[in-house]
Amino acid sequence: MRFYEYFYVLSLALLINLIIIIIQLIPNMTLQILVWIVITLMLLMAFLGNDFKDLMKKNEKKAQSLNNVN
């Protein structure tokens, strides 16, 4: 792993810890669970969205290279 990857993982861990601390401050348990679900869905959408964009870029490059061959 390169240095910036370690920095990325560390900052992600700190972000998760901050989220946990903030959720612990909410007194209602059901509200805590709802906030957890919302945050998890937001993070999943963000990561999956980035992966989808990368896949679309790769497919565009493949299509361009196929068009250039023909």
N, C-alpha and C. Protein backbone atom coordinates (compact mmCIF):
# COMPACT_ATOMS: atom_id res chain seq x y z
N MET A 1 0.84 -1.20 0.00
CA MET A 1 0.00 0.00 0.00
C MET A 1 0.87 1.25 0.00
N ARG A 2 0.42 2.24 -0.73
CA ARG A 2 1.14 3.51 -0.76
C ARG A 2 0.73 4.38 0.41
N PHE A 3 1.48 5.45 0.62
CA PHE A 3 1.23 6.31 1.78
C PHE A 3 -0.17 6.90 1.76
N TYR A 4 -0.62 7.37 0.58
CA TYR A 4 -1.93 8.01 0.54
C TYR A 4 -3.05 7.01 0.79
N GLU A 5 -2.81 5.72 0.52
CA GLU A 5 -3.82 4.72 0.83
C GLU A 5 -3.95 4.53 2.34
N TYR A 6 -2.81 4.54 3.06
CA TYR A 6 -2.86 4.48 4.52
C TYR A 6 -3.61 5.69 5.07
N PHE A 7 -3.33 6.86 4.50
CA PHE A 7 -3.99 8.08 4.95
C PHE A 7 -5.49 8.00 4.70
N TYR A 8 -5.87 7.43 3.56
CA TYR A 8 -7.29 7.28 3.23
C TYR A 8 -7.99 6.36 4.23
N VAL A 9 -7.36 5.23 4.54
CA VAL A 9 -7.95 4.27 5.49
C VAL A 9 -8.05 4.90 6.87
N LEU A 10 -7.02 5.63 7.29
CA LEU A 10 -7.04 6.27 8.60
C LEU A 10 -8.14 7.33 8.68
N SER A 11 -8.28 8.13 7.65
CA SER A 11 -9.32 9.16 7.68
C SER A 11 -10.71 8.53 7.66
N LEU A 12 -10.86 7.41 6.95
CA LEU A 12 -12.14 6.71 6.94
C LEU A 12 -12.47 6.15 8.33
N ALA A 13 -11.46 5.62 9.02
CA ALA A 13 -11.67 5.10 10.38
C ALA A 13 -12.05 6.23 11.34
N LEU A 14 -11.40 7.38 11.21
CA LEU A 14 -11.74 8.51 12.07
C LEU A 14 -13.16 9.01 11.79
N LEU A 15 -13.55 9.02 10.53
CA LEU A 15 -14.91 9.42 10.17
C LEU A 15 -15.93 8.47 10.78
N ILE A 16 -15.66 7.17 10.72
CA ILE A 16 -16.59 6.18 11.28
C ILE A 16 -16.67 6.35 12.80
N ASN A 17 -15.55 6.61 13.45
CA ASN A 17 -15.57 6.84 14.90
C ASN A 17 -16.38 8.07 15.27
N LEU A 18 -16.23 9.15 14.50
CA LEU A 18 -17.03 10.35 14.76
C LEU A 18 -18.51 10.07 14.59
N ILE A 19 -18.87 9.31 13.56
CA ILE A 19 -20.28 8.96 13.35
C ILE A 19 -20.81 8.16 14.54
N ILE A 20 -20.01 7.21 15.03
CA ILE A 20 -20.44 6.39 16.17
C ILE A 20 -20.65 7.27 17.40
N ILE A 21 -19.73 8.20 17.66
CA ILE A 21 -19.85 9.08 18.83
C ILE A 21 -21.10 9.95 18.72
N ILE A 22 -21.34 10.49 17.54
CA ILE A 22 -22.53 11.34 17.36
C ILE A 22 -23.81 10.54 17.54
N ILE A 23 -23.84 9.31 17.01
CA ILE A 23 -25.05 8.49 17.15
C ILE A 23 -25.27 8.11 18.61
N GLN A 24 -24.19 7.89 19.37
CA GLN A 24 -24.34 7.55 20.78
C GLN A 24 -24.97 8.68 21.59
N LEU A 25 -24.85 9.92 21.09
CA LEU A 25 -25.43 11.06 21.81
C LEU A 25 -26.95 11.13 21.66
N ILE A 26 -27.50 10.38 20.68
CA ILE A 26 -28.95 10.38 20.49
C ILE A 26 -29.57 9.49 21.57
N PRO A 27 -30.51 10.03 22.37
CA PRO A 27 -31.03 9.23 23.50
C PRO A 27 -31.98 8.11 23.09
N ASN A 28 -32.71 8.28 21.98
CA ASN A 28 -33.72 7.30 21.59
C ASN A 28 -33.08 6.18 20.76
N MET A 29 -33.31 4.92 21.16
CA MET A 29 -32.66 3.79 20.51
C MET A 29 -33.17 3.58 19.08
N THR A 30 -34.46 3.71 18.87
CA THR A 30 -35.00 3.50 17.52
C THR A 30 -34.48 4.59 16.58
N LEU A 31 -34.34 5.79 17.08
CA LEU A 31 -33.79 6.87 16.27
C LEU A 31 -32.32 6.59 15.92
N GLN A 32 -31.60 6.02 16.88
CA GLN A 32 -30.20 5.63 16.62
C GLN A 32 -30.14 4.63 15.48
N ILE A 33 -31.02 3.64 15.50
CA ILE A 33 -31.01 2.61 14.45
C ILE A 33 -31.36 3.22 13.11
N LEU A 34 -32.35 4.13 13.09
CA LEU A 34 -32.72 4.78 11.84
C LEU A 34 -31.56 5.60 11.27
N VAL A 35 -30.84 6.31 12.14
CA VAL A 35 -29.70 7.11 11.69
C VAL A 35 -28.61 6.20 11.14
N TRP A 36 -28.37 5.05 11.80
CA TRP A 36 -27.38 4.09 11.30
C TRP A 36 -27.75 3.61 9.91
N ILE A 37 -29.03 3.28 9.71
CA ILE A 37 -29.47 2.78 8.40
C ILE A 37 -29.28 3.85 7.32
N VAL A 38 -29.66 5.08 7.63
CA VAL A 38 -29.52 6.16 6.66
C VAL A 38 -28.05 6.39 6.29
N ILE A 39 -27.17 6.44 7.29
CA ILE A 39 -25.75 6.68 7.04
C ILE A 39 -25.15 5.53 6.24
N THR A 40 -25.51 4.29 6.59
CA THR A 40 -25.00 3.13 5.86
C THR A 40 -25.44 3.16 4.40
N LEU A 41 -26.71 3.48 4.16
CA LEU A 41 -27.20 3.55 2.78
C LEU A 41 -26.50 4.67 2.01
N MET A 42 -26.27 5.80 2.67
CA MET A 42 -25.57 6.90 1.99
C MET A 42 -24.15 6.50 1.60
N LEU A 43 -23.44 5.84 2.51
CA LEU A 43 -22.07 5.40 2.21
C LEU A 43 -22.07 4.35 1.10
N LEU A 44 -23.01 3.41 1.15
CA LEU A 44 -23.09 2.40 0.10
C LEU A 44 -23.36 3.03 -1.26
N MET A 45 -24.28 3.98 -1.29
CA MET A 45 -24.60 4.64 -2.55
C MET A 45 -23.38 5.40 -3.08
N ALA A 46 -22.63 6.03 -2.17
CA ALA A 46 -21.45 6.78 -2.60
C ALA A 46 -20.40 5.84 -3.20
N PHE A 47 -20.11 4.73 -2.51
CA PHE A 47 -19.08 3.81 -3.01
C PHE A 47 -19.54 3.11 -4.28
N LEU A 48 -20.79 2.66 -4.32
CA LEU A 48 -21.28 1.98 -5.51
C LEU A 48 -21.37 2.94 -6.68
N GLY A 49 -21.71 4.20 -6.41
CA GLY A 49 -21.77 5.19 -7.48
C GLY A 49 -20.41 5.41 -8.11
N ASN A 50 -19.35 5.47 -7.29
CA ASN A 50 -18.00 5.64 -7.83
C ASN A 50 -17.59 4.43 -8.65
N ASP A 51 -17.90 3.22 -8.18
CA ASP A 51 -17.57 2.02 -8.93
C ASP A 51 -18.31 1.99 -10.26
N PHE A 52 -19.57 2.41 -10.25
CA PHE A 52 -20.36 2.41 -11.47
C PHE A 52 -19.78 3.39 -12.49
N LYS A 53 -19.35 4.56 -12.02
CA LYS A 53 -18.74 5.55 -12.92
C LYS A 53 -17.47 4.99 -13.55
N ASP A 54 -16.64 4.31 -12.74
CA ASP A 54 -15.41 3.72 -13.27
C ASP A 54 -15.73 2.66 -14.33
N LEU A 55 -16.75 1.83 -14.06
CA LEU A 55 -17.13 0.81 -15.03
C LEU A 55 -17.61 1.44 -16.34
N MET A 56 -18.37 2.52 -16.23
CA MET A 56 -18.86 3.17 -17.44
C MET A 56 -17.70 3.75 -18.25
N LYS A 57 -16.70 4.33 -17.57
CA LYS A 57 -15.54 4.88 -18.28
C LYS A 57 -14.78 3.77 -19.00
N LYS A 58 -14.60 2.62 -18.33
CA LYS A 58 -13.89 1.50 -18.96
C LYS A 58 -14.66 0.99 -20.17
N ASN A 59 -15.99 0.91 -20.05
CA ASN A 59 -16.80 0.44 -21.19
C ASN A 59 -16.72 1.42 -22.35
N GLU A 60 -16.69 2.73 -22.04
CA GLU A 60 -16.56 3.72 -23.12
C GLU A 60 -15.23 3.56 -23.84
N LYS A 61 -14.15 3.32 -23.09
CA LYS A 61 -12.84 3.14 -23.72
C LYS A 61 -12.82 1.90 -24.60
N LYS A 62 -13.45 0.80 -24.12
CA LYS A 62 -13.52 -0.42 -24.93
C LYS A 62 -14.30 -0.16 -26.21
N ALA A 63 -15.42 0.55 -26.08
CA ALA A 63 -16.25 0.83 -27.26
C ALA A 63 -15.48 1.70 -28.26
N GLN A 64 -14.73 2.68 -27.77
CA GLN A 64 -13.95 3.54 -28.66
C GLN A 64 -12.86 2.74 -29.37
N SER A 65 -12.20 1.84 -28.63
CA SER A 65 -11.15 1.05 -29.26
C SER A 65 -11.73 0.09 -30.30
N LEU A 66 -12.92 -0.46 -30.04
CA LEU A 66 -13.57 -1.33 -31.02
C LEU A 66 -13.98 -0.53 -32.26
N ASN A 67 -14.46 0.68 -32.06
CA ASN A 67 -14.83 1.52 -33.19
C ASN A 67 -13.61 1.90 -34.03
N ASN A 68 -12.48 2.11 -33.36
CA ASN A 68 -11.26 2.46 -34.09
C ASN A 68 -10.75 1.29 -34.92
N VAL A 69 -10.93 0.06 -34.43
CA VAL A 69 -10.50 -1.12 -35.18
C VAL A 69 -11.33 -1.27 -36.44
N ASN A 70 -12.64 -1.07 -36.32
CA ASN A 70 -13.52 -1.20 -37.49
C ASN A 70 -13.29 -0.01 -38.40
